[in-house]
Amino acid sequence: MRDIIKQRYPEHSVFGEEHGLELGSSNGSSNGSNISDSWLWVLDPIDGTKSFITGKPLFGTLIALLQNGRPVLGVIDQPITKERWIGQAGQPTTLNGSPISTRQCGDVSNAYLYSTTPHMFAGETQQAFQRVRDRVRIPLYGCDCYAYGLLAAGHCDLVVEADLKPYDYMALVPIIQGAGGIITDWSGAPLGWQVANHSDAAEVMAAVTAAPGEVLAAGDTDTHQQALQLLAWQGPKP
């Protein structure tokens, strides 16, 4: 993926889970500009490593393109089931080329909720998650990025997760939004990611760590708002 991007868009920068940050030709440190002022691809070749290594076909490849720190393009690709979700800012999300949309749940008590695992929550995030889990109709686990694809296609109503990194969710933002859903952090703030223009590994990892780790996605505004109220998230205590 990196080679293709470098060939087609040499001026773009690329960040991936495995190989870190690679600056594009227009983002050299000599001009003092920021990656957040240009284009940044965020890649996760295998989201759902545990699913992948145990043969469960619910992992996926995540590809995101950010402009000015805002996700404007997202792809979930599942090679086993041959499903590909594509979200583009201002355009309807598609699944294998056909437009899809979220469904209306209306009340959190009717919601089917997904999280990758209950073990991703601990301490304050666990308490907040349990408040939502105890109010939904059915809590389910084990889908990684595939859960967001299910939500975008109208098969479930909520995804609540914690302990994530930007490469885990940047691609999901345009997909959920283009299908009519809402995706934010647990405080209701939009999800984006800005990285200073440098190649120092420690500083890049600090930017990864500083990004929100808590994500809430819902198929409709009412369900999203109710889930936010139940989470009542004030951030981790110092």
Protein backbone atom coordinates (compact mmCIF):
# COMPACT_ATOMS: atom_id res chain seq x y z
CA MET A 1 0.00 0.00 0.00
CA ARG A 2 2.81 2.40 0.85
CA ASP A 3 4.50 1.77 -2.48
CA ILE A 4 1.29 2.46 -4.40
CA ILE A 5 0.66 5.68 -2.48
CA LYS A 6 4.24 6.88 -3.02
CA GLN A 7 3.97 6.20 -6.73
CA ARG A 8 0.59 7.86 -7.19
CA TYR A 9 0.79 10.61 -4.56
CA PRO A 10 4.45 11.28 -3.71
CA GLU A 11 3.56 14.54 -1.95
CA HIS A 12 1.32 12.71 0.56
CA SER A 13 2.54 11.45 3.92
CA VAL A 14 1.77 7.97 5.22
CA PHE A 15 1.35 6.64 8.76
CA GLY A 16 0.88 2.96 9.50
CA GLU A 17 0.72 0.80 12.59
CA GLU A 18 3.71 -1.30 11.54
CA HIS A 19 6.15 1.17 9.98
CA GLY A 20 5.29 4.52 11.52
CA LEU A 21 5.39 7.86 9.70
CA GLU A 22 6.84 8.50 6.26
CA LEU A 23 6.79 12.11 5.10
CA GLY A 24 5.67 13.06 1.61
CA SER A 25 7.78 15.12 -0.75
CA SER A 26 5.88 18.33 0.11
CA ASN A 27 6.32 17.87 3.87
CA GLY A 28 10.08 18.13 4.36
CA SER A 29 11.20 19.54 7.65
CA SER A 30 12.92 22.46 5.91
CA ASN A 31 9.71 24.34 5.22
CA GLY A 32 8.36 24.09 8.75
CA SER A 33 4.87 23.13 7.60
CA ASN A 34 2.66 20.55 9.30
CA ILE A 35 1.31 17.28 8.02
CA SER A 36 -2.03 18.43 9.40
CA ASP A 37 -2.01 21.14 6.71
CA SER A 38 -1.75 18.58 3.90
CA TRP A 39 -2.63 14.98 3.12
CA LEU A 40 -1.98 12.03 5.40
CA TRP A 41 -2.82 8.39 4.74
CA VAL A 42 -3.41 6.24 7.84
CA LEU A 43 -3.10 2.49 7.28
CA ASP A 44 -3.83 -0.61 9.31
CA PRO A 45 -3.10 -3.67 7.15
CA ILE A 46 -4.76 -6.09 9.57
CA ASP A 47 -7.26 -4.66 12.02
CA GLY A 48 -8.29 -7.58 14.19
CA THR A 49 -5.04 -9.50 14.47
CA LYS A 50 -6.48 -12.01 16.96
CA SER A 51 -9.36 -12.78 14.59
CA PHE A 52 -6.88 -13.17 11.73
CA ILE A 53 -4.54 -15.58 13.51
CA THR A 54 -7.43 -17.72 14.79
CA GLY A 55 -9.17 -17.99 11.42
CA LYS A 56 -12.20 -15.80 12.14
CA PRO A 57 -13.01 -13.76 9.00
CA LEU A 58 -13.94 -10.58 10.83
CA PHE A 59 -10.62 -8.76 10.51
CA GLY A 60 -10.10 -6.13 7.84
CA THR A 61 -7.68 -3.79 6.11
CA LEU A 62 -8.28 -0.15 7.04
CA ILE A 63 -7.27 2.71 4.75
CA ALA A 64 -7.93 6.35 5.64
CA LEU A 65 -7.02 9.63 3.97
CA LEU A 66 -6.95 12.77 6.11
CA GLN A 67 -6.91 16.36 4.94
CA ASN A 68 -6.08 19.02 7.53
CA GLY A 69 -6.42 16.31 10.17
CA ARG A 70 -9.96 15.38 9.06
CA PRO A 71 -10.80 11.93 7.65
CA VAL A 72 -12.19 12.43 4.14
CA LEU A 73 -11.86 8.89 2.76
CA GLY A 74 -12.18 5.52 4.46
CA VAL A 75 -12.04 1.91 3.33
CA ILE A 76 -12.77 -1.34 5.17
CA ASP A 77 -11.72 -4.33 3.08
CA GLN A 78 -12.55 -7.88 4.17
CA PRO A 79 -10.80 -10.23 1.72
CA ILE A 80 -12.37 -13.49 2.96
CA THR A 81 -16.01 -12.43 2.70
CA LYS A 82 -15.11 -10.21 -0.29
CA GLU A 83 -16.76 -7.15 1.21
CA ARG A 84 -15.48 -3.60 0.77
CA TRP A 85 -16.96 -0.54 2.42
CA ILE A 86 -15.97 2.85 1.00
CA GLY A 87 -16.80 6.17 2.61
CA GLN A 88 -16.02 9.55 1.11
CA ALA A 89 -16.81 12.90 2.67
CA GLY A 90 -20.01 14.29 1.21
CA GLN A 91 -20.88 11.05 -0.62
CA PRO A 92 -23.04 8.02 0.30
CA THR A 93 -21.14 5.08 1.72
CA THR A 94 -21.08 1.99 -0.47
CA LEU A 95 -20.68 -1.73 0.21
CA ASN A 96 -19.34 -3.52 -2.86
CA GLY A 97 -20.49 -0.58 -4.96
CA SER A 98 -24.06 -0.32 -3.63
CA PRO A 99 -25.15 2.56 -1.37
CA ILE A 100 -25.95 1.58 2.22
CA SER A 101 -27.43 3.31 5.23
CA THR A 102 -27.72 2.87 8.96
CA ARG A 103 -31.02 2.00 10.57
CA GLN A 104 -33.12 3.99 13.01
CA CYS A 105 -33.11 2.53 16.50
CA GLY A 106 -34.66 5.47 18.35
CA ASP A 107 -34.07 4.27 21.89
CA VAL A 108 -30.98 2.70 23.39
CA SER A 109 -33.12 0.01 25.02
CA ASN A 110 -33.75 -1.41 21.53
CA ALA A 111 -30.11 -1.32 20.48
CA TYR A 112 -27.88 -4.16 19.39
CA LEU A 113 -24.41 -3.15 20.60
CA TYR A 114 -21.01 -4.36 19.49
CA SER A 115 -17.60 -4.11 21.13
CA THR A 116 -14.53 -6.06 20.12
CA THR A 117 -14.03 -7.47 23.62
CA PRO A 118 -15.10 -6.61 27.18
CA HIS A 119 -11.41 -6.77 28.07
CA MET A 120 -10.71 -3.50 26.24
CA PHE A 121 -12.36 -1.66 29.13
CA ALA A 122 -10.77 -1.15 32.55
CA GLY A 123 -11.35 1.14 35.49
CA GLU A 124 -13.29 4.25 34.47
CA THR A 125 -13.86 3.09 30.89
CA GLN A 126 -15.25 -0.19 32.20
CA GLN A 127 -17.69 1.59 34.49
CA ALA A 128 -18.84 3.89 31.67
CA PHE A 129 -19.23 1.01 29.22
CA GLN A 130 -21.25 -1.03 31.69
CA ARG A 131 -23.77 1.78 32.01
CA VAL A 132 -24.45 1.50 28.29
CA ARG A 133 -24.20 -2.28 28.12
CA ASP A 134 -26.78 -2.68 30.88
CA ARG A 135 -29.33 -0.55 29.01
CA VAL A 136 -29.14 -2.01 25.50
CA ARG A 137 -31.22 -4.88 24.20
CA ILE A 138 -28.35 -7.17 23.20
CA PRO A 139 -24.58 -6.68 23.80
CA LEU A 140 -22.33 -8.56 21.38
CA TYR A 141 -18.56 -8.99 21.08
CA GLY A 142 -15.84 -9.98 18.66
CA CYS A 143 -16.04 -8.05 15.38
CA ASP A 144 -13.18 -5.52 15.36
CA CYS A 145 -13.64 -3.13 12.40
CA TYR A 146 -16.31 -5.40 10.92
CA ALA A 147 -18.77 -4.17 13.55
CA TYR A 148 -18.60 -0.67 12.10
CA GLY A 149 -19.33 -2.09 8.67
CA LEU A 150 -22.36 -3.86 10.11
CA LEU A 151 -23.54 -0.62 11.69
CA ALA A 152 -23.09 1.29 8.41
CA ALA A 153 -25.12 -1.37 6.59
CA GLY A 154 -27.99 -1.21 9.10
CA HIS A 155 -27.42 -4.49 10.94
CA CYS A 156 -26.67 -3.14 14.43
CA ASP A 157 -27.16 0.13 16.30
CA LEU A 158 -24.17 0.96 18.49
CA VAL A 159 -20.45 0.32 18.66
CA VAL A 160 -18.73 1.34 21.91
CA GLU A 161 -14.99 0.81 22.25
CA ALA A 162 -11.94 1.99 24.19
CA ASP A 163 -8.16 1.56 24.11
CA LEU A 164 -8.02 2.33 20.38
CA LYS A 165 -5.38 4.12 18.32
CA PRO A 166 -5.94 6.49 15.37
CA TYR A 167 -5.17 3.76 12.83
CA ASP A 168 -8.02 1.74 14.37
CA TYR A 169 -10.75 4.28 13.63
CA MET A 170 -9.74 7.01 11.15
CA ALA A 171 -11.01 4.96 8.19
CA LEU A 172 -14.30 4.31 9.96
CA VAL A 173 -15.31 7.96 10.25
CA PRO A 174 -16.29 8.65 6.60
CA ILE A 175 -17.90 5.21 6.34
CA ILE A 176 -20.23 5.74 9.30
CA GLN A 177 -20.99 9.36 8.43
CA GLY A 178 -21.67 8.62 4.75
CA ALA A 179 -24.17 5.94 5.78
CA GLY A 180 -26.11 8.42 7.94
CA GLY A 181 -24.59 7.48 11.29
CA ILE A 182 -22.67 9.39 13.93
CA ILE A 183 -19.18 8.58 15.19
CA THR A 184 -17.39 10.58 17.89
CA ASP A 185 -15.29 10.17 20.98
CA TRP A 186 -17.09 9.50 24.27
CA SER A 187 -17.51 13.23 24.88
CA GLY A 188 -19.28 13.74 21.56
CA ALA A 189 -16.32 15.46 19.88
CA PRO A 190 -15.50 14.73 16.21
CA LEU A 191 -12.69 12.29 15.51
CA GLY A 192 -9.63 13.63 13.72
CA TRP A 193 -5.89 13.43 14.04
CA GLN A 194 -3.16 15.99 13.55
CA VAL A 195 0.49 15.03 13.55
CA ALA A 196 3.31 17.57 13.74
CA ASN A 197 5.71 17.53 10.81
CA HIS A 198 8.59 15.50 12.14
CA SER A 199 9.95 12.01 11.83
CA ASP A 200 11.12 11.51 15.39
CA ALA A 201 9.65 8.18 16.46
CA ALA A 202 9.10 9.18 20.08
CA GLU A 203 7.22 12.34 19.12
CA VAL A 204 5.06 10.51 16.59
CA MET A 205 4.16 7.88 19.18
CA ALA A 206 3.32 10.67 21.62
CA ALA A 207 0.83 11.98 19.04
CA VAL A 208 -0.65 8.49 18.74
CA THR A 209 -1.01 8.22 22.51
CA ALA A 210 -2.54 11.70 22.79
CA ALA A 211 -5.35 10.88 20.35
CA PRO A 212 -8.70 9.80 21.81
CA GLY A 213 -8.87 6.10 22.57
CA GLU A 214 -12.62 5.96 23.18
CA VAL A 215 -15.02 5.71 20.23
CA LEU A 216 -18.81 5.75 20.05
CA ALA A 217 -20.68 5.04 16.81
CA ALA A 218 -24.44 4.99 16.40
CA GLY A 219 -26.88 4.62 13.56
CA ASP A 220 -29.00 7.62 14.52
CA THR A 221 -28.76 10.83 16.50
CA ASP A 222 -31.15 9.87 19.30
CA THR A 223 -29.35 6.62 20.10
CA HIS A 224 -25.99 8.38 19.98
CA GLN A 225 -27.17 11.08 22.37
CA GLN A 226 -28.61 8.56 24.82
CA ALA A 227 -25.38 6.56 24.77
CA LEU A 228 -23.37 9.73 25.43
CA GLN A 229 -25.55 10.50 28.44
CA LEU A 230 -25.05 6.99 29.80
CA LEU A 231 -21.30 7.11 29.28
CA ALA A 232 -21.16 10.48 31.06
CA TRP A 233 -17.50 10.59 30.06
CA GLN A 234 -15.33 13.24 31.69
CA GLY A 235 -12.04 11.70 30.64
CA PRO A 236 -9.68 9.65 32.80
CA LYS A 237 -8.88 11.04 36.20
CA PRO A 238 -5.29 12.26 36.63
